Amino acid sequence: MHSQKNQGFILITVLMVMALIAVIGTTLLIKSTSELKQSSNSEGQARARGYAEAAQADMFYDLANPGLISINDAFTPYVNLFSQSNANPSVTPIVPASAYQSVLASIRGAFPPLNSPGSLTAGTYTSTINFRSLRADEGSFNRNGQTYYLDYSINGAANTFGNRRNVVTEGTMRINLGRQSLNQFILLADDGGSGSNGSSGFFDTSSTYDGPVHVNKNWALSGNPTFLAGATTSSSFIWMNDAKKCAGFTFVKVSGQQASPGGCTTPNTNGKGLQYNKDPIDLPKNAFSQARASLGLDEKDLSAPSKAETCQGLGLTTCPNTLSKGTYLPANGNIVSGGIYVEGNASVTLSTSGPLQLYTIKDQNNKITVITVDYQANTTTYLNPSGVTKVLTGIPNGQLYVSGMITALSGPPRTGLLPGTLEPGKVPAVIPPAIAAKTQLNVAASGQISLTGDLTYKDDPRQVANAQNVLGIISGTDHVTVGDAAPDDIYVSGAVLAGANGRGLKVQTPNGGRPRGAIHLLGSLAESEDQIRGQVTQSGTPSAGYADDFRFDQRFFNGAVAPPFFPATTKFGVQTGWPIQRTWNEN
């Protein structure tokens, strides 16, 4: 009896413990599953919010960068009417209030919803933008431009496996309408240089441009040239190579198409297309404005400075019949009052020493002047050919002008050979900088400018945020030429302008010898007539001269940054437009 009772009690206890364990296990399983679901849900919600914010950021980028082209297009009809009216921008709005709704409608149509890329597997997102109002800042009106404000809201919506998030940002875009600087295009040409049938010169597969391109007339394409920001022309047609069996060079007129009829020429416009019948853009035919600027005179006066004005700018107490050849630093007493002025021909070497900018100028009499600019100390040291040093207060205004030709313009010599493989979009380390970090300079000459060496920035704007250094190179009546003394694969940073009739960026010997690599230009080129800079075989392989490797300085977009005293058109356009976010919320 005693043994049987104990066995029964143990059995009941075991069953109770097993039941308790089962209850605990079930509870833990339910809790674990719930926490797993909660964790998964939290992760999904976080991912959805991240995608929604990415959608909003995509639209913000579109608005602040390529979208400026569309905003400028919306303003263009009213800018054109204003230009024709000869009204005073200091008192008269460029865009009348009655046109605001039309401008808004045009801008809205240019910003369709942005969707997530097809490669996104964990969810989808969509971003939309709404432009609510446009208004003018009448207090900003002046002869050089006007400011307008554009209110917007951006909605970013995302869905990741059923998790939905929606973020909304609101802000205001400040749009500056100013006179359009001629450096706003990576390539601007009045004449494409292609002749009456397109075969005199053409842009081929080796031509790559990552900024806006505009050619007024006589423009020919062959192969697969690349225009990543699209291309425009004032003509109703362009020439395209359409040779039989796609061999040789026979050109046909094309209008409204993105390829030649036979498909031999298919330009890559990155979806931006080729646009015809755009307004022509005029170029200045001389550098008188830059001459006056170097003398500290009114650069808005486009006439040639007289002998008396030149003497006045140079601070000469007596004005000789013939000004001595040499380098002058205009000053009022011991204070710099202009830029740098050179009478006659000269060679110019630009270099840096730490933060200092150095100018080594050999004049027509082979006498050397060295000018050192110290931005931090706000002083300019002038070492004349006789070895006498003078320290002046202030720094030159950024204009160097040579009244004759610049027979050689370069930076310091290379410190070694270029690497076997050149890294796209990057200046090789063996090329020392020519333009100091704080230098903003415009080099102009009445005659030809011959580039004989590299000219690059201390702070490359592609690697240094908010880089300040900028360079302009202007020939008033002749070509800017890459001379035979220039190195293969020459690197030039700056805005180049040769606006006199028939002039442009030229290669001294484009059709002889051997391939010279490329002209690696970071900046912009504006020219009257595009020049032949190299030759290719029928298969498109370079055979002589230089290819074009032009890369747009994104600071130049719409002329937002320009070298000192760099010319602008009489027409207004969107120079800058940056959205400023005011609010953020989640629905």
Protein backbone atom coordinates (compact mmCIF):
# COMPACT_ATOMS: atom_id res chain seq x y z
CA MET A 1 0.00 0.00 0.00
CA HIS A 2 2.69 2.49 0.95
CA SER A 3 4.71 1.87 -2.24
CA GLN A 4 1.69 2.25 -4.57
CA LYS A 5 0.66 5.61 -3.03
CA ASN A 6 4.16 7.09 -3.56
CA GLN A 7 4.21 5.99 -7.20
CA GLY A 8 0.86 7.67 -7.87
CA PHE A 9 2.01 10.92 -6.27
CA ILE A 10 5.20 10.96 -8.36
CA LEU A 11 3.26 10.37 -11.55
CA ILE A 12 0.91 13.26 -10.81
CA THR A 13 3.88 15.53 -9.99
CA VAL A 14 5.63 14.65 -13.24
CA LEU A 15 2.49 15.37 -15.24
CA MET A 16 2.07 18.72 -13.53
CA VAL A 17 5.72 19.68 -14.19
CA MET A 18 5.38 18.65 -17.84
CA ALA A 19 2.23 20.72 -18.19
CA LEU A 20 3.93 23.69 -16.59
CA ILE A 21 6.91 23.34 -18.93
CA ALA A 22 4.55 23.15 -21.87
CA VAL A 23 2.77 26.33 -20.75
CA ILE A 24 6.07 28.14 -20.24
CA GLY A 25 7.35 26.92 -23.61
CA THR A 26 4.20 28.02 -25.37
CA THR A 27 4.37 31.40 -23.66
CA LEU A 28 8.01 31.85 -24.63
CA LEU A 29 7.27 30.78 -28.22
CA ILE A 30 4.40 33.25 -28.48
CA LYS A 31 6.52 36.03 -26.96
CA SER A 32 9.49 35.21 -29.21
CA THR A 33 7.29 35.18 -32.31
CA SER A 34 5.71 38.46 -31.29
CA GLU A 35 9.07 40.09 -30.65
CA LEU A 36 10.36 38.75 -33.98
CA LYS A 37 7.36 40.24 -35.73
CA GLN A 38 7.83 43.51 -33.87
CA SER A 39 11.54 43.55 -34.77
CA SER A 40 10.77 42.78 -38.40
CA ASN A 41 8.09 45.43 -38.46
CA SER A 42 10.43 48.02 -36.91
CA GLU A 43 13.13 47.16 -39.41
CA GLY A 44 10.67 47.42 -42.28
CA GLN A 45 9.40 50.76 -41.03
CA ALA A 46 12.95 52.10 -40.71
CA ARG A 47 13.78 50.90 -44.21
CA ALA A 48 10.64 52.47 -45.58
CA ARG A 49 11.47 55.78 -43.93
CA GLY A 50 15.00 55.62 -45.35
CA TYR A 51 13.61 55.05 -48.83
CA ALA A 52 11.10 57.86 -48.42
CA GLU A 53 13.90 60.23 -47.41
CA ALA A 54 16.01 58.98 -50.33
CA ALA A 55 13.11 59.78 -52.66
CA GLN A 56 12.91 63.30 -51.25
CA ALA A 57 16.70 63.71 -51.60
CA ASP A 58 16.59 62.57 -55.24
CA MET A 59 14.06 65.25 -56.11
CA PHE A 60 16.00 67.85 -54.11
CA TYR A 61 19.12 67.06 -56.15
CA ASP A 62 17.14 67.22 -59.39
CA LEU A 63 15.77 70.62 -58.39
CA ALA A 64 19.15 72.05 -57.38
CA ASN A 65 21.20 70.76 -60.31
CA PRO A 66 19.86 69.63 -63.73
CA GLY A 67 16.48 71.16 -62.90
CA LEU A 68 17.98 74.63 -63.23
CA ILE A 69 17.98 74.15 -67.00
CA SER A 70 14.21 73.58 -66.95
CA ILE A 71 13.66 76.55 -64.65
CA ASN A 72 15.74 78.71 -66.95
CA ASP A 73 13.66 77.50 -69.93
CA ALA A 74 10.49 78.58 -68.11
CA PHE A 75 11.89 82.10 -67.65
CA THR A 76 13.32 82.36 -71.20
CA PRO A 77 10.20 83.66 -73.07
CA TYR A 78 9.88 86.56 -70.63
CA VAL A 79 13.62 87.20 -70.61
CA ASN A 80 13.48 87.48 -74.42
CA LEU A 81 10.58 89.92 -74.28
CA PHE A 82 12.40 91.98 -71.66
CA SER A 83 15.55 92.12 -73.81
CA GLN A 84 13.52 93.35 -76.78
CA SER A 85 11.86 96.04 -74.67
CA ASN A 86 15.16 97.71 -73.64
CA ALA A 87 13.60 98.26 -70.21
CA ASN A 88 15.65 99.11 -67.13
CA PRO A 89 16.07 96.06 -64.86
CA SER A 90 16.69 98.37 -61.91
CA VAL A 91 13.00 99.33 -61.87
CA THR A 92 11.09 97.01 -64.25
CA PRO A 93 10.48 93.32 -63.44
CA ILE A 94 11.96 90.92 -65.95
CA VAL A 95 9.01 88.62 -65.32
CA PRO A 96 5.71 90.52 -64.80
CA ALA A 97 3.38 89.32 -62.05
CA SER A 98 0.77 88.49 -64.70
CA ALA A 99 3.10 85.78 -66.05
CA TYR A 100 3.74 83.97 -62.76
CA GLN A 101 1.10 81.29 -63.32
CA SER A 102 2.43 80.54 -66.80
CA VAL A 103 5.97 80.22 -65.42
CA LEU A 104 4.74 77.92 -62.64
CA ALA A 105 2.86 75.74 -65.13
CA SER A 106 5.99 75.38 -67.27
CA ILE A 107 8.14 74.49 -64.27
CA ARG A 108 5.60 71.96 -62.97
CA GLY A 109 5.56 70.20 -66.32
CA ALA A 110 9.34 69.87 -66.26
CA PHE A 111 9.45 67.91 -62.98
CA PRO A 112 7.60 64.59 -63.37
CA PRO A 113 7.55 62.12 -60.45
CA LEU A 114 10.81 60.29 -59.75
CA ASN A 115 10.57 56.53 -59.19
CA SER A 116 12.99 54.14 -57.53
CA PRO A 117 15.44 52.38 -59.87
CA GLY A 118 14.60 48.90 -61.10
CA SER A 119 17.60 47.48 -59.22
CA LEU A 120 15.95 48.29 -55.87
CA THR A 121 14.64 44.90 -54.57
CA ALA A 122 13.69 45.64 -50.98
CA GLY A 123 10.94 48.11 -51.82
CA THR A 124 9.89 51.01 -54.01
CA TYR A 125 9.67 54.77 -53.68
CA THR A 126 8.22 57.74 -55.53
CA SER A 127 8.99 61.44 -55.18
CA THR A 128 6.81 64.30 -56.37
CA ILE A 129 7.27 68.06 -56.19
CA ASN A 130 4.70 70.81 -56.11
CA PHE A 131 5.52 74.45 -56.90
CA ARG A 132 3.05 76.69 -55.12
CA SER A 133 4.03 80.31 -55.73
CA LEU A 134 6.48 82.63 -57.45
CA ARG A 135 7.31 86.17 -56.36
CA ALA A 136 9.90 88.87 -57.03
CA ASP A 137 12.22 90.51 -54.54
CA GLU A 138 11.81 94.09 -55.74
CA GLY A 139 14.54 95.26 -53.38
CA SER A 140 17.04 93.19 -55.36
CA PHE A 141 16.48 94.92 -58.70
CA ASN A 142 19.64 96.41 -60.23
CA ARG A 143 21.20 96.80 -63.66
CA ASN A 144 22.89 93.39 -63.38
CA GLY A 145 19.93 91.28 -62.35
CA GLN A 146 16.93 90.46 -60.17
CA THR A 147 15.98 87.86 -57.55
CA TYR A 148 12.83 85.72 -57.50
CA TYR A 149 11.54 83.26 -54.91
CA LEU A 150 9.89 79.95 -55.77
CA ASP A 151 8.03 78.04 -52.99
CA TYR A 152 7.94 74.27 -53.25
CA SER A 153 7.06 71.08 -51.34
CA ILE A 154 8.59 67.65 -51.97
CA ASN A 155 6.73 64.44 -51.08
CA GLY A 156 8.68 61.20 -50.74
CA ALA A 157 6.62 57.99 -50.40
CA ALA A 158 8.02 54.47 -49.91
CA ASN A 159 6.69 50.91 -49.60
CA THR A 160 8.86 48.06 -48.28
CA PHE A 161 6.99 44.76 -47.92
CA GLY A 162 3.81 46.48 -46.80
CA ASN A 163 5.53 49.07 -44.63
CA ARG A 164 4.59 52.53 -45.87
CA ARG A 165 6.21 55.83 -44.93
CA ASN A 166 5.69 59.31 -46.31
CA VAL A 167 7.87 62.39 -45.70
CA VAL A 168 7.18 65.95 -46.80
CA THR A 169 9.64 68.84 -46.95
CA GLU A 170 8.82 72.43 -47.74
CA GLY A 171 11.16 75.19 -48.77
CA THR A 172 11.90 78.19 -50.93
CA MET A 173 14.20 78.39 -53.90
CA ARG A 174 16.05 81.67 -54.42
CA ILE A 175 16.50 82.26 -58.15
CA ASN A 176 18.97 84.88 -59.32
CA LEU A 177 18.35 86.22 -62.80
CA GLY A 178 21.55 87.82 -64.04
CA ARG A 179 23.32 88.60 -67.25
CA GLN A 180 24.45 85.30 -68.69
CA SER A 181 28.19 84.80 -68.48
CA LEU A 182 29.87 83.25 -71.52
CA ASN A 183 31.41 80.50 -69.38
CA GLN A 184 28.02 78.86 -68.72
CA PHE A 185 28.62 76.37 -71.58
CA ILE A 186 31.33 73.78 -71.68
CA LEU A 187 31.38 74.56 -75.41
CA LEU A 188 29.89 77.67 -77.01
CA ALA A 189 30.62 78.40 -80.67
CA ASP A 190 29.10 80.85 -83.09
CA ASP A 191 30.26 78.66 -85.99
CA GLY A 192 30.77 74.93 -85.64
CA GLY A 193 33.48 75.11 -88.30
CA SER A 194 31.88 72.44 -90.47
CA GLY A 195 31.57 74.36 -93.74
CA SER A 196 28.79 74.31 -96.31
CA ASN A 197 28.43 70.52 -96.42
CA GLY A 198 29.57 69.44 -92.97
CA SER A 199 32.84 67.86 -94.04
CA SER A 200 35.26 70.68 -93.15
CA GLY A 201 35.31 69.68 -89.49
CA PHE A 202 33.15 67.64 -87.14
CA PHE A 203 32.68 66.39 -83.60
CA ASP A 204 33.34 62.65 -83.47
CA THR A 205 33.35 59.74 -81.03
CA SER A 206 36.43 61.10 -79.23
CA SER A 207 34.44 64.25 -78.31
CA THR A 208 32.94 64.06 -74.82
CA TYR A 209 31.23 66.96 -73.06
CA ASP A 210 29.64 66.75 -69.61
CA GLY A 211 28.17 70.26 -69.59
CA PRO A 212 25.85 72.38 -71.75
CA VAL A 213 26.85 72.74 -75.42
CA HIS A 214 25.56 75.38 -77.85
CA VAL A 215 26.56 76.07 -81.46
CA ASN A 216 24.85 78.85 -83.40
CA LYS A 217 25.40 77.42 -86.90
CA ASN A 218 27.45 75.16 -89.24
CA TRP A 219 27.69 72.16 -86.94
CA ALA A 220 28.53 68.57 -87.92
CA LEU A 221 28.65 65.30 -85.97
CA SER A 222 30.15 61.92 -86.78
CA GLY A 223 30.13 58.61 -84.97
CA ASN A 224 29.05 58.77 -81.34
CA PRO A 225 29.97 62.11 -79.73
CA THR A 226 28.74 62.46 -76.15
CA PHE A 227 26.77 65.45 -74.81
CA LEU A 228 25.78 64.47 -71.29
CA ALA A 229 23.86 67.71 -70.65
CA GLY A 230 22.31 67.78 -74.12
CA ALA A 231 23.11 70.14 -76.97
CA THR A 232 21.40 73.11 -78.63
CA THR A 233 21.80 75.02 -81.86
CA SER A 234 20.34 78.19 -83.32
CA SER A 235 20.10 76.49 -86.71
CA SER A 236 17.15 74.48 -87.99
CA PHE A 237 19.46 71.55 -88.78
CA ILE A 238 22.85 69.99 -88.12
CA TRP A 239 25.06 67.87 -90.37
CA MET A 240 25.47 64.18 -89.57
CA ASN A 241 27.88 61.73 -91.16
CA ASP A 242 25.85 59.15 -93.06
CA ALA A 243 28.35 57.62 -95.46
CA LYS A 244 27.47 54.49 -97.40
CA LYS A 245 27.98 51.43 -95.20
CA CYS A 246 29.02 53.85 -92.45
CA ALA A 247 32.50 54.28 -93.90
CA GLY A 248 34.05 57.54 -95.06
CA PHE A 249 32.73 61.02 -94.52
CA THR A 250 29.54 62.04 -96.33
CA PHE A 251 27.22 64.37 -94.44
CA VAL A 252 23.47 64.90 -94.63
CA LYS A 253 21.19 67.50 -93.02
CA VAL A 254 19.30 66.28 -89.97
CA SER A 255 16.60 68.13 -88.07
CA GLY A 256 14.59 66.84 -85.14
CA GLN A 257 16.19 63.39 -85.13
CA GLN A 258 18.64 61.90 -82.68
CA ALA A 259 20.57 59.94 -85.31
CA SER A 260 21.42 60.12 -89.00
CA PRO A 261 18.91 58.38 -91.31
CA GLY A 262 21.26 55.45 -91.87
CA GLY A 263 22.22 55.25 -88.20
CA CYS A 264 25.90 55.93 -88.83
CA THR A 265 25.90 58.90 -86.44
CA THR A 266 24.17 58.43 -83.09
CA PRO A 267 25.09 61.15 -80.60
CA ASN A 268 24.70 60.29 -76.93
CA THR A 269 22.75 63.13 -75.31
CA ASN A 270 22.00 61.30 -72.05
CA GLY A 271 18.29 61.57 -72.80
CA LYS A 272 18.46 65.39 -73.11
CA GLY A 273 18.19 65.39 -76.91
CA LEU A 274 19.31 67.81 -79.61
CA GLN A 275 17.37 71.08 -79.64
CA TYR A 276 17.08 73.32 -82.69
CA ASN A 277 16.16 76.97 -83.39
CA LYS A 278 17.44 78.30 -80.07
CA ASP A 279 18.35 81.97 -79.65
CA PRO A 280 21.82 82.79 -81.04
CA ILE A 281 24.48 83.90 -78.57
CA ASP A 282 26.86 86.69 -79.55
CA LEU A 283 30.52 86.81 -78.54
CA PRO A 284 32.69 89.89 -77.83
CA LYS A 285 35.07 90.81 -80.64
CA ASN A 286 37.83 92.44 -78.55
CA ALA A 287 39.29 92.66 -75.03
CA PHE A 288 38.99 96.42 -74.45
CA SER A 289 36.89 95.79 -71.33
CA GLN A 290 39.71 93.69 -69.84
CA ALA A 291 42.31 96.33 -70.80
CA ARG A 292 40.34 98.95 -68.88
CA ALA A 293 39.92 96.63 -65.90
CA SER A 294 43.68 96.05 -65.66
CA LEU A 295 44.19 99.82 -65.54
CA GLY A 296 41.59 100.25 -62.79
CA LEU A 297 39.22 102.02 -65.20
CA ASP A 298 35.52 101.33 -65.89
CA GLU A 299 35.38 97.86 -67.43
CA LYS A 300 31.83 98.48 -68.64
CA ASP A 301 33.20 100.93 -71.20
CA LEU A 302 33.80 98.71 -74.22
CA SER A 303 35.90 101.22 -76.18
CA ALA A 304 39.69 101.07 -76.43
CA PRO A 305 41.41 103.08 -73.66
CA SER A 306 43.08 106.20 -75.00
CA LYS A 307 46.75 106.98 -74.41
CA ALA A 308 45.76 109.53 -71.76
CA GLU A 309 43.50 107.02 -70.00
CA THR A 310 46.27 104.42 -70.07
CA CYS A 311 48.72 106.83 -68.49
CA GLN A 312 46.12 107.84 -65.92
CA GLY A 313 45.48 104.20 -64.99
CA LEU A 314 49.20 103.48 -64.67
CA GLY A 315 49.66 106.50 -62.42
CA LEU A 316 52.21 108.15 -64.70
CA THR A 317 52.78 111.85 -63.95
CA THR A 318 53.85 112.50 -67.54
CA CYS A 319 52.42 110.68 -70.54
CA PRO A 320 55.07 109.80 -73.17
CA ASN A 321 54.25 109.61 -76.86
CA THR A 322 55.16 105.93 -76.81
CA LEU A 323 54.66 103.83 -73.70
CA SER A 324 57.75 101.79 -72.81
CA LYS A 325 57.47 98.03 -73.30
CA GLY A 326 57.26 96.29 -69.95
CA THR A 327 55.16 95.17 -66.98
CA TYR A 328 53.22 97.70 -64.91
CA LEU A 329 51.40 97.38 -61.60
CA PRO A 330 48.88 100.26 -61.47
CA ALA A 331 48.95 101.95 -58.07
CA ASN A 332 47.78 105.07 -56.32
CA GLY A 333 50.83 105.92 -54.31
CA ASN A 334 51.64 102.78 -52.36
CA ILE A 335 48.21 101.18 -52.84
CA VAL A 336 47.36 98.80 -55.70
CA SER A 337 44.65 100.42 -57.84
CA GLY A 338 44.09 97.98 -60.71
CA GLY A 339 45.36 94.69 -62.06
CA ILE A 340 48.54 93.89 -63.98
CA TYR A 341 49.20 95.65 -67.30
CA VAL A 342 51.87 94.64 -69.85
CA GLU A 343 52.74 96.85 -72.82
CA GLY A 344 53.84 94.85 -75.88
CA ASN A 345 54.28 91.09 -76.20
CA ALA A 346 55.13 88.91 -73.22
CA SER A 347 55.49 85.39 -71.89
CA VAL A 348 53.71 84.64 -68.62
CA THR A 349 54.38 81.86 -66.12
CA LEU A 350 51.93 81.37 -63.25
CA SER A 351 53.00 79.45 -60.15
CA THR A 352 52.32 79.06 -56.44
CA SER A 353 54.38 79.03 -53.27
CA GLY A 354 52.15 77.75 -50.51
CA PRO A 355 49.21 80.20 -50.46
CA LEU A 356 51.09 82.82 -52.52
CA GLN A 357 50.41 83.54 -56.18
CA LEU A 358 53.44 84.26 -58.34
CA TYR A 359 53.56 85.93 -61.77
CA THR A 360 56.82 85.68 -63.73
CA ILE A 361 56.51 87.93 -66.78
CA LYS A 362 59.16 88.28 -69.50
CA ASP A 363 58.40 91.36 -71.60
CA GLN A 364 59.17 92.10 -75.25
CA ASN A 365 62.67 93.27 -74.30
CA ASN A 366 63.35 89.97 -72.48
CA LYS A 367 63.27 91.74 -69.11
CA ILE A 368 61.72 89.75 -66.27
CA THR A 369 59.34 91.07 -63.62
CA VAL A 370 58.16 88.93 -60.71
CA ILE A 371 54.95 89.82 -58.86
CA THR A 372 54.02 88.00 -55.66
CA VAL A 373 50.53 88.29 -54.18
CA ASP A 374 50.02 87.51 -50.48
CA TYR A 375 46.28 87.28 -49.85
CA GLN A 376 46.60 86.80 -46.11
CA ALA A 377 48.84 89.86 -45.61
CA ASN A 378 46.94 91.85 -48.29
CA THR A 379 50.21 92.87 -49.94
CA THR A 380 51.73 92.67 -53.41
CA THR A 381 55.49 92.49 -53.89
CA TYR A 382 56.83 93.88 -57.17
CA LEU A 383 60.36 92.84 -58.21
CA ASN A 384 61.34 94.86 -61.28
CA PRO A 385 63.92 93.82 -63.94
CA SER A 386 66.59 95.88 -62.19
CA GLY A 387 66.24 93.82 -59.02
CA VAL A 388 64.48 96.55 -57.03
CA THR A 389 61.70 95.28 -54.75
CA LYS A 390 58.64 97.29 -53.79
CA VAL A 391 55.89 96.14 -51.42
CA LEU A 392 52.45 97.64 -51.99
CA THR A 393 49.30 97.48 -49.91
CA GLY A 394 46.40 95.59 -51.50
CA ILE A 395 46.22 92.96 -54.19
CA PRO A 396 45.55 93.19 -57.95
CA ASN A 397 41.88 93.16 -58.95
CA GLY A 398 42.22 89.89 -60.87
CA GLN A 399 42.85 91.19 -64.39
CA LEU A 400 46.16 90.64 -66.18
CA TYR A 401 46.21 92.27 -69.62
CA VAL A 402 48.88 92.15 -72.35
CA SER A 403 48.52 94.75 -75.10
CA GLY A 404 50.22 92.47 -77.67
CA MET A 405 50.55 88.69 -77.81
CA ILE A 406 51.20 86.24 -75.00
CA THR A 407 53.86 84.17 -76.72
CA ALA A 408 53.93 81.57 -73.95
CA LEU A 409 51.42 81.00 -71.15
CA SER A 410 52.00 78.15 -68.74
CA GLY A 411 52.28 76.95 -65.19
CA PRO A 412 55.34 75.32 -63.61
CA PRO A 413 57.07 72.47 -65.50
CA ARG A 414 56.05 68.90 -64.73
CA THR A 415 58.00 67.07 -62.07
CA GLY A 416 58.05 63.78 -63.97
CA LEU A 417 56.45 61.73 -66.72
CA LEU A 418 52.72 61.20 -66.89
CA PRO A 419 51.51 57.78 -65.72
CA GLY A 420 50.87 55.20 -68.44
CA THR A 421 47.14 55.27 -67.73
CA LEU A 422 45.52 58.64 -67.14
CA GLU A 423 42.75 58.72 -64.55
CA PRO A 424 39.68 60.39 -66.08
CA GLY A 425 38.71 63.69 -64.48
CA LYS A 426 41.84 63.96 -62.36
CA VAL A 427 45.04 65.99 -62.77
CA PRO A 428 48.16 63.78 -62.52
CA ALA A 429 50.32 64.38 -59.44
CA VAL A 430 53.36 65.31 -61.57
CA ILE A 431 51.63 68.54 -62.67
CA PRO A 432 52.19 71.32 -60.07
CA PRO A 433 49.41 73.88 -59.64
CA ALA A 434 49.60 77.25 -61.37
CA ILE A 435 46.67 79.00 -59.67
CA ALA A 436 46.76 79.47 -55.87
CA ALA A 437 43.79 78.56 -53.69
CA LYS A 438 42.55 82.16 -53.38
CA THR A 439 43.48 83.40 -56.84
CA GLN A 440 40.65 84.63 -59.05
CA LEU A 441 42.33 85.66 -62.27
CA ASN A 442 41.54 86.63 -65.84
CA VAL A 443 44.42 86.60 -68.33
CA ALA A 444 43.67 88.56 -71.51
CA ALA A 445 45.67 89.71 -74.50
CA SER A 446 44.92 91.86 -77.50
CA GLY A 447 46.52 89.28 -79.78
CA GLN A 448 47.11 85.54 -79.80
CA ILE A 449 47.70 83.55 -76.63
CA SER A 450 49.92 80.49 -76.99
CA LEU A 451 49.50 77.80 -74.34
CA THR A 452 52.86 76.09 -73.86
CA GLY A 453 52.30 74.22 -70.60
CA ASP A 454 49.76 73.01 -68.08
CA LEU A 455 47.60 75.49 -66.15
CA THR A 456 45.82 73.90 -63.21
CA TYR A 457 44.23 74.85 -59.89
CA LYS A 458 45.69 74.39 -56.43
CA ASP A 459 42.18 73.40 -55.29
CA ASP A 460 40.50 71.23 -57.89
CA PRO A 461 36.75 71.95 -57.53
CA ARG A 462 36.03 68.29 -58.26
CA GLN A 463 37.87 67.31 -55.07
CA VAL A 464 37.70 70.46 -52.90
CA ALA A 465 34.31 71.72 -51.76
CA ASN A 466 33.79 75.47 -52.17
CA ALA A 467 37.03 75.88 -54.12
CA GLN A 468 37.69 79.57 -54.73
CA ASN A 469 40.41 79.58 -57.41
CA VAL A 470 39.24 80.36 -60.93
CA LEU A 471 40.96 81.32 -64.19
CA GLY A 472 39.89 82.99 -67.44
CA ILE A 473 41.92 83.10 -70.68
CA ILE A 474 40.82 85.60 -73.35
CA SER A 475 42.28 86.51 -76.72
CA GLY A 476 40.74 89.75 -77.95
CA THR A 477 41.45 89.52 -81.69
CA ASP A 478 43.11 86.15 -82.33
CA HIS A 479 43.24 82.48 -81.37
CA VAL A 480 44.03 80.82 -78.07
CA THR A 481 46.50 78.28 -79.43
CA VAL A 482 47.98 75.07 -78.05
CA GLY A 483 51.53 75.55 -79.32
CA ASP A 484 53.91 72.93 -80.65
CA ALA A 485 55.96 73.43 -77.47
CA ALA A 486 53.05 72.27 -75.35
CA PRO A 487 53.26 68.80 -73.78
CA ASP A 488 51.20 65.81 -74.86
CA ASP A 489 47.95 65.53 -72.88
CA ILE A 490 47.97 69.15 -71.78
CA TYR A 491 45.88 70.00 -68.69
CA VAL A 492 44.13 73.39 -68.54
CA SER A 493 41.70 74.62 -65.88
CA GLY A 494 39.64 77.69 -66.66
CA ALA A 495 37.25 79.49 -68.98
CA VAL A 496 38.72 80.05 -72.47
CA LEU A 497 37.35 82.72 -74.83
CA ALA A 498 38.35 83.63 -78.39
CA GLY A 499 35.43 85.64 -79.75
CA ALA A 500 36.91 87.55 -82.70
CA ASN A 501 35.56 86.55 -86.12
CA GLY A 502 36.84 83.13 -87.20
CA ARG A 503 38.90 82.61 -84.05
CA GLY A 504 38.81 79.84 -81.46
CA LEU A 505 40.81 77.29 -79.48
CA LYS A 506 43.38 76.15 -82.00
CA VAL A 507 46.21 73.63 -82.19
CA GLN A 508 49.32 74.97 -83.91
CA THR A 509 49.90 71.74 -85.87
CA PRO A 510 46.70 69.67 -85.82
CA ASN A 511 47.33 67.59 -88.95
CA GLY A 512 50.95 66.50 -88.83
CA GLY A 513 53.25 64.31 -86.82
CA ARG A 514 51.48 62.02 -84.39
CA PRO A 515 48.58 61.88 -81.93
CA ARG A 516 49.30 64.20 -79.00
CA GLY A 517 46.76 62.79 -76.56
CA ALA A 518 44.03 65.19 -75.48
CA ILE A 519 43.39 68.74 -74.36
CA HIS A 520 42.13 68.04 -70.84
CA LEU A 521 40.08 71.17 -70.21
CA LEU A 522 38.30 71.64 -66.90
CA GLY A 523 36.05 74.64 -67.40
CA SER A 524 34.52 76.07 -70.55
CA LEU A 525 35.28 77.16 -74.09
CA ALA A 526 33.61 80.02 -75.98
CA GLU A 527 34.83 80.66 -79.52
CA SER A 528 33.76 82.32 -82.73
CA GLU A 529 34.55 79.32 -84.91
CA ASP A 530 35.44 75.86 -83.73
CA GLN A 531 38.91 74.90 -84.91
CA ILE A 532 40.31 71.59 -86.09
CA ARG A 533 42.43 70.40 -83.17
CA GLY A 534 43.20 66.90 -84.41
CA GLN A 535 42.62 64.31 -87.11
CA VAL A 536 41.12 60.82 -87.07
CA THR A 537 41.20 57.90 -89.48
CA GLN A 538 38.06 56.69 -91.23
CA SER A 539 37.57 54.25 -88.36
CA GLY A 540 37.64 57.14 -85.88
CA THR A 541 41.12 56.46 -84.44
CA PRO A 542 43.13 59.61 -83.60
CA SER A 543 46.01 60.06 -86.06
CA ALA A 544 47.37 63.56 -85.33
CA GLY A 545 46.89 66.54 -83.04
CA TYR A 546 44.78 66.52 -79.87
CA ALA A 547 41.40 65.05 -79.00
CA ASP A 548 38.92 67.02 -76.89
CA ASP A 549 38.57 65.85 -73.29
CA PHE A 550 36.45 68.71 -72.02
CA ARG A 551 34.93 68.54 -68.54
CA PHE A 552 32.59 71.20 -67.22
CA ASP A 553 33.46 73.05 -64.05
CA GLN A 554 30.11 72.63 -62.28
CA ARG A 555 30.63 75.99 -60.55
CA PHE A 556 30.17 77.58 -63.98
CA PHE A 557 26.64 76.25 -64.32
CA ASN A 558 24.48 79.14 -65.58
CA GLY A 559 27.46 81.42 -64.96
CA ALA A 560 27.09 81.17 -61.17
CA VAL A 561 30.89 81.47 -60.84
CA ALA A 562 32.98 83.29 -63.42
CA PRO A 563 36.53 84.66 -63.62
CA PRO A 564 36.88 88.38 -62.85
CA PHE A 565 35.75 90.66 -65.69
CA PHE A 566 34.72 87.70 -67.83
CA PRO A 567 32.24 88.88 -70.48
CA ALA A 568 28.51 88.35 -70.20
CA THR A 569 25.71 88.67 -72.73
CA THR A 570 23.12 91.44 -72.60
CA LYS A 571 20.49 88.76 -72.03
CA PHE A 572 19.39 87.70 -68.55
CA GLY A 573 19.11 84.12 -67.39
CA VAL A 574 19.05 81.94 -64.27
CA GLN A 575 22.53 82.20 -62.78
CA THR A 576 21.92 80.46 -59.47
CA GLY A 577 19.02 78.74 -57.81
CA TRP A 578 19.40 76.86 -54.56
CA PRO A 579 16.50 75.33 -52.62
CA ILE A 580 16.45 76.12 -48.90
CA GLN A 581 14.47 73.65 -46.79
CA ARG A 582 12.25 75.21 -44.11
CA THR A 583 10.18 72.33 -42.70
CA TRP A 584 10.17 68.53 -42.52
CA ASN A 585 7.38 66.26 -41.36
CA GLU A 586 6.14 62.71 -41.72
CA ASN A 587 2.59 61.73 -42.55
